[in-house]
Amino acid sequence: MNDSIFCFIIASVDVGWLELLASLALLVVTLVISAVLKLQIEKSVIAATVRAAIQLLAVGFLFTAIFDHDLAKTWAWIWVGLMIVIATLVVERRTPEIDGIRAPTFLSVSASVATTLGIIFPLGVFDTEAVNIVVIAGITIGNIMPATVLAVQELQNQFRLRKGEVESLLALGAGMTKIRRFLCPTIIKLAITQQIERTKVVGLIALPGAMTGLLLAGVDPLDAVIIQLIVMYMILGGTVITASIVVWFGSRNAFTTDQRLSSWTDFS
């Protein structure tokens, strides 16, 4: 398990541009269904397909340049930093009504990635190679993003729905910290429940992505299972970390300096 995660896959997979073009047949089926049922999603589907191709091809060329460079590890860490920044901006853009959420989001995503990499590499689960750094960080960030967005949205929803309770507690002299301890556990649970349930049923109703890719590449099933379990545990741990941090620190912004609720807790 100390070998590079996907180094053996490259030698096993024989897929090229012709196979990629053949897979576009599925896109044609989608467009036909849209036309027959008048879904009017043709432009969106084509735009999404082209955008995904451009983005992934760009990433592929960048990976090639980075991993072949003498300073591959340095560039890999820079890449990780950029992913964290982009993830932060995406969460902020999806929750525009909440003021000051950028810093808690950046902190939560950074902490999740740092914890994951700080466990995976020092314990020797995988070698500290450039490809592993980028892949592990990318898997972590990509999978904690939905929970992070959900956590921030639930933060706003709970403060809105329970505004009367919060204001009553404030009137009775309860401090901001006590109120946050009262609300935050519920918000965090709501944000991480989906990932917990997904982890419970993995392998029963669906084969997860990493394992499927490894099996298609001809990797031994048990090796694929072990790698997938590592990935699932990484994702679950990262989700709990990021949701806890973004909710706890983000909830501070629900209060003004004079111990009143911020405007974003009001229903628009």
Protein backbone atom coordinates (compact mmCIF):
# COMPACT_ATOMS: atom_id res chain seq x y z
CA MET A 1 0.00 0.00 0.00
CA ASN A 2 3.01 2.31 0.01
CA ASP A 3 3.06 2.48 -3.76
CA SER A 4 1.61 5.44 -5.60
CA ILE A 5 -2.18 5.14 -5.62
CA PHE A 6 -2.73 5.06 -9.34
CA CYS A 7 0.71 4.25 -10.75
CA PHE A 8 -0.32 0.69 -11.57
CA ILE A 9 -3.56 1.81 -13.22
CA ILE A 10 -1.83 3.63 -16.05
CA ALA A 11 -0.18 0.41 -17.18
CA SER A 12 -3.47 -1.52 -16.97
CA VAL A 13 -5.90 0.79 -18.75
CA ASP A 14 -5.97 0.90 -22.54
CA VAL A 15 -8.35 3.77 -23.22
CA GLY A 16 -7.69 6.47 -25.79
CA TRP A 17 -9.33 9.26 -27.75
CA LEU A 18 -11.44 6.86 -29.84
CA GLU A 19 -12.92 5.32 -26.71
CA LEU A 20 -13.65 8.81 -25.39
CA LEU A 21 -15.47 9.70 -28.59
CA ALA A 22 -17.43 6.44 -28.42
CA SER A 23 -18.67 7.35 -24.95
CA LEU A 24 -20.31 10.43 -26.45
CA ALA A 25 -23.02 8.08 -27.71
CA LEU A 26 -24.52 8.42 -24.24
CA LEU A 27 -24.67 12.16 -24.79
CA VAL A 28 -26.57 11.61 -28.04
CA VAL A 29 -29.10 9.45 -26.18
CA THR A 30 -29.53 12.22 -23.62
CA LEU A 31 -30.11 14.82 -26.33
CA VAL A 32 -32.64 12.59 -28.10
CA ILE A 33 -34.60 12.05 -24.87
CA SER A 34 -34.54 15.78 -24.21
CA ALA A 35 -35.83 16.53 -27.71
CA VAL A 36 -38.59 13.89 -27.60
CA LEU A 37 -39.81 14.91 -24.13
CA LYS A 38 -39.21 18.61 -24.84
CA LEU A 39 -37.09 19.01 -21.73
CA GLN A 40 -35.22 21.91 -23.33
CA ILE A 41 -31.94 20.94 -21.69
CA GLU A 42 -29.93 20.40 -24.87
CA LYS A 43 -27.89 23.59 -24.50
CA SER A 44 -27.20 22.92 -20.82
CA VAL A 45 -26.12 19.34 -21.49
CA ILE A 46 -23.82 20.33 -24.35
CA ALA A 47 -22.36 23.22 -22.35
CA ALA A 48 -21.75 20.96 -19.36
CA THR A 49 -20.12 18.32 -21.56
CA VAL A 50 -17.80 20.78 -23.28
CA ARG A 51 -16.94 22.53 -20.03
CA ALA A 52 -16.13 19.25 -18.29
CA ALA A 53 -13.93 18.17 -21.19
CA ILE A 54 -12.02 21.46 -21.26
CA GLN A 55 -11.53 21.52 -17.49
CA LEU A 56 -10.40 17.91 -17.20
CA LEU A 57 -8.12 18.08 -20.22
CA ALA A 58 -6.55 21.23 -18.81
CA VAL A 59 -6.04 19.46 -15.50
CA GLY A 60 -4.54 16.48 -17.31
CA PHE A 61 -2.00 18.62 -19.15
CA LEU A 62 -1.18 20.51 -15.95
CA PHE A 63 -0.71 17.25 -14.08
CA THR A 64 1.67 16.05 -16.77
CA ALA A 65 3.70 19.24 -16.50
CA ILE A 66 3.70 19.22 -12.70
CA PHE A 67 4.50 15.56 -12.11
CA ASP A 68 7.37 15.62 -14.60
CA HIS A 69 8.89 18.74 -13.03
CA ASP A 70 11.90 18.65 -10.73
CA LEU A 71 9.87 20.58 -8.14
CA ALA A 72 6.85 18.31 -8.46
CA LYS A 73 6.08 18.22 -4.74
CA THR A 74 6.29 22.00 -4.42
CA TRP A 75 3.89 22.46 -7.31
CA ALA A 76 1.62 19.80 -5.83
CA TRP A 77 1.30 21.72 -2.56
CA ILE A 78 0.63 24.93 -4.48
CA TRP A 79 -2.08 23.08 -6.37
CA VAL A 80 -3.63 21.96 -3.07
CA GLY A 81 -3.63 25.54 -1.83
CA LEU A 82 -5.41 26.69 -4.99
CA MET A 83 -8.04 23.97 -4.58
CA ILE A 84 -8.73 25.12 -1.03
CA VAL A 85 -9.10 28.74 -2.16
CA ILE A 86 -11.43 27.77 -5.02
CA ALA A 87 -13.53 25.58 -2.71
CA THR A 88 -13.85 28.48 -0.27
CA LEU A 89 -15.03 30.83 -3.01
CA VAL A 90 -17.53 28.26 -4.31
CA VAL A 91 -19.11 27.84 -0.87
CA GLU A 92 -19.24 31.60 -0.41
CA ARG A 93 -20.90 32.03 -3.81
CA ARG A 94 -23.53 29.40 -3.02
CA THR A 95 -24.42 31.05 0.29
CA PRO A 96 -24.32 34.76 -0.60
CA GLU A 97 -26.73 35.89 2.11
CA ILE A 98 -24.44 34.91 4.97
CA ASP A 99 -21.93 37.58 5.87
CA GLY A 100 -18.39 36.70 6.86
CA ILE A 101 -18.56 33.02 5.93
CA ARG A 102 -15.36 33.09 3.85
CA ALA A 103 -12.93 32.85 6.77
CA PRO A 104 -14.76 29.99 8.57
CA THR A 105 -15.04 28.10 5.28
CA PHE A 106 -11.37 28.53 4.44
CA LEU A 107 -10.42 27.43 7.95
CA SER A 108 -12.69 24.39 7.88
CA VAL A 109 -11.57 23.14 4.45
CA SER A 110 -7.91 23.76 5.29
CA ALA A 111 -8.24 21.92 8.60
CA SER A 112 -9.95 18.97 6.93
CA VAL A 113 -7.27 18.66 4.24
CA ALA A 114 -4.43 19.18 6.72
CA THR A 115 -5.80 16.53 9.08
CA THR A 116 -6.33 14.02 6.29
CA LEU A 117 -2.89 14.49 4.75
CA GLY A 118 -1.35 14.71 8.22
CA ILE A 119 -2.61 11.22 9.00
CA ILE A 120 -2.39 9.47 5.63
CA PHE A 121 1.23 10.34 4.84
CA PRO A 122 3.03 10.21 8.23
CA LEU A 123 1.44 6.82 8.99
CA GLY A 124 2.73 5.48 5.68
CA VAL A 125 -0.66 4.69 4.16
CA PHE A 126 0.65 6.17 0.89
CA ASP A 127 4.01 7.58 -0.14
CA THR A 128 4.36 11.35 -0.08
CA GLU A 129 4.57 11.72 -3.84
CA ALA A 130 3.26 14.63 -5.87
CA VAL A 131 0.49 12.60 -7.48
CA ASN A 132 -0.67 11.27 -4.12
CA ILE A 133 -0.69 14.73 -2.54
CA VAL A 134 -2.91 16.16 -5.26
CA VAL A 135 -5.18 13.12 -5.55
CA ILE A 136 -5.80 12.72 -1.81
CA ALA A 137 -6.39 16.44 -1.31
CA GLY A 138 -8.66 16.56 -4.37
CA ILE A 139 -10.74 13.60 -3.22
CA THR A 140 -11.09 15.13 0.23
CA ILE A 141 -12.06 18.61 -0.95
CA GLY A 142 -14.40 17.36 -3.65
CA ASN A 143 -16.33 15.17 -1.25
CA ILE A 144 -16.54 17.56 1.70
CA MET A 145 -17.86 20.39 -0.47
CA PRO A 146 -21.53 19.29 -0.43
CA ALA A 147 -21.48 18.89 3.35
CA THR A 148 -19.80 22.27 3.76
CA VAL A 149 -22.43 24.03 1.65
CA LEU A 150 -25.19 22.14 3.46
CA ALA A 151 -23.70 23.05 6.84
CA VAL A 152 -23.68 26.75 6.00
CA GLN A 153 -27.22 26.59 4.62
CA GLU A 154 -28.46 24.75 7.71
CA LEU A 155 -26.68 27.31 9.87
CA GLN A 156 -28.83 30.02 8.34
CA ASN A 157 -32.00 27.89 8.36
CA GLN A 158 -31.72 26.95 12.01
CA PHE A 159 -31.09 30.50 13.15
CA ARG A 160 -34.08 31.62 11.09
CA LEU A 161 -36.43 28.88 12.23
CA ARG A 162 -35.40 29.14 15.87
CA LYS A 163 -34.94 32.88 15.99
CA GLY A 164 -37.61 33.20 18.67
CA GLU A 165 -35.79 30.73 20.91
CA VAL A 166 -32.47 32.47 20.39
CA GLU A 167 -33.90 35.90 21.13
CA SER A 168 -35.59 34.54 24.26
CA LEU A 169 -32.29 33.09 25.44
CA LEU A 170 -30.57 36.42 24.77
CA ALA A 171 -33.28 38.23 26.73
CA LEU A 172 -32.76 35.84 29.64
CA GLY A 173 -29.07 36.68 29.69
CA ALA A 174 -27.66 33.65 27.88
CA GLY A 175 -24.33 34.43 26.25
CA MET A 176 -23.42 33.94 22.63
CA THR A 177 -21.23 30.92 23.41
CA LYS A 178 -23.99 29.16 25.34
CA ILE A 179 -26.47 29.69 22.50
CA ARG A 180 -23.99 28.39 19.94
CA ARG A 181 -23.45 25.28 22.04
CA PHE A 182 -27.21 24.88 22.10
CA LEU A 183 -27.72 25.14 18.32
CA CYS A 184 -24.50 23.98 16.69
CA PRO A 185 -24.72 20.23 17.46
CA THR A 186 -28.08 20.02 15.69
CA ILE A 187 -26.77 21.89 12.65
CA ILE A 188 -23.64 19.73 12.43
CA LYS A 189 -25.68 16.52 12.65
CA LEU A 190 -27.94 17.67 9.84
CA ALA A 191 -24.92 18.47 7.67
CA ILE A 192 -23.10 15.16 8.15
CA THR A 193 -26.04 12.74 8.23
CA GLN A 194 -26.04 12.27 4.46
CA GLN A 195 -22.38 11.24 4.39
CA ILE A 196 -22.85 8.89 7.34
CA GLU A 197 -25.78 7.19 5.61
CA ARG A 198 -23.83 6.96 2.36
CA THR A 199 -20.97 5.27 4.23
CA LYS A 200 -23.38 2.78 5.81
CA VAL A 201 -24.71 1.50 2.50
CA VAL A 202 -21.52 1.61 0.43
CA GLY A 203 -21.15 -1.61 -1.52
CA LEU A 204 -24.76 -2.65 -0.92
CA ILE A 205 -26.69 -0.50 -3.38
CA ALA A 206 -23.83 1.07 -5.31
CA LEU A 207 -20.14 0.59 -5.97
CA PRO A 208 -18.20 3.75 -5.09
CA GLY A 209 -16.16 5.60 -7.69
CA ALA A 210 -12.60 4.82 -6.66
CA MET A 211 -13.31 1.12 -6.30
CA THR A 212 -15.13 0.98 -9.64
CA GLY A 213 -12.24 2.69 -11.43
CA LEU A 214 -9.71 0.35 -9.88
CA LEU A 215 -11.73 -2.74 -10.79
CA LEU A 216 -12.11 -1.54 -14.38
CA ALA A 217 -8.36 -1.03 -14.45
CA GLY A 218 -7.83 -4.68 -13.56
CA VAL A 219 -6.70 -4.20 -9.97
CA ASP A 220 -7.17 -7.08 -7.54
CA PRO A 221 -10.64 -6.72 -5.94
CA LEU A 222 -9.30 -6.83 -2.38
CA ASP A 223 -6.74 -4.13 -3.13
CA ALA A 224 -9.53 -2.04 -4.66
CA VAL A 225 -11.68 -2.56 -1.57
CA ILE A 226 -8.87 -1.55 0.79
CA ILE A 227 -8.15 1.64 -1.15
CA GLN A 228 -11.87 2.45 -1.29
CA LEU A 229 -12.22 1.96 2.47
CA ILE A 230 -9.32 4.34 3.05
CA VAL A 231 -11.02 6.88 0.78
CA MET A 232 -14.38 6.46 2.53
CA TYR A 233 -12.85 6.93 5.96
CA MET A 234 -10.99 10.00 4.72
CA ILE A 235 -14.20 11.48 3.37
CA LEU A 236 -16.24 10.73 6.48
CA GLY A 237 -13.59 12.16 8.79
CA GLY A 238 -13.08 15.19 6.59
CA THR A 239 -16.81 15.85 6.43
CA VAL A 240 -17.18 15.84 10.20
CA ILE A 241 -14.16 18.11 10.64
CA THR A 242 -15.19 20.70 8.07
CA ALA A 243 -18.86 20.76 9.12
CA SER A 244 -17.96 21.17 12.79
CA ILE A 245 -15.51 24.00 12.17
CA VAL A 246 -17.57 25.96 9.64
CA VAL A 247 -20.69 25.76 11.81
CA TRP A 248 -18.95 26.65 15.06
CA PHE A 249 -17.00 29.60 13.72
CA GLY A 250 -19.68 30.63 11.23
CA SER A 251 -22.26 30.82 14.00
CA ARG A 252 -20.28 33.66 15.56
CA ASN A 253 -21.36 35.81 12.63
CA ALA A 254 -25.01 35.26 13.55
CA PHE A 255 -24.56 37.78 16.35
CA THR A 256 -23.68 41.44 16.27
CA THR A 257 -21.18 43.03 18.64
CA ASP A 258 -24.04 44.18 20.89
CA GLN A 259 -25.43 40.64 21.26
CA ARG A 260 -28.24 40.88 18.71
CA LEU A 261 -28.94 38.62 15.75
CA SER A 262 -27.42 39.56 12.42
CA SER A 263 -29.62 40.55 9.49
CA TRP A 264 -28.98 37.28 7.61
CA THR A 265 -30.99 35.40 10.24
CA ASP A 266 -34.14 37.20 9.02
CA PHE A 267 -36.38 35.67 6.37
CA SER A 268 -36.04 37.65 3.14
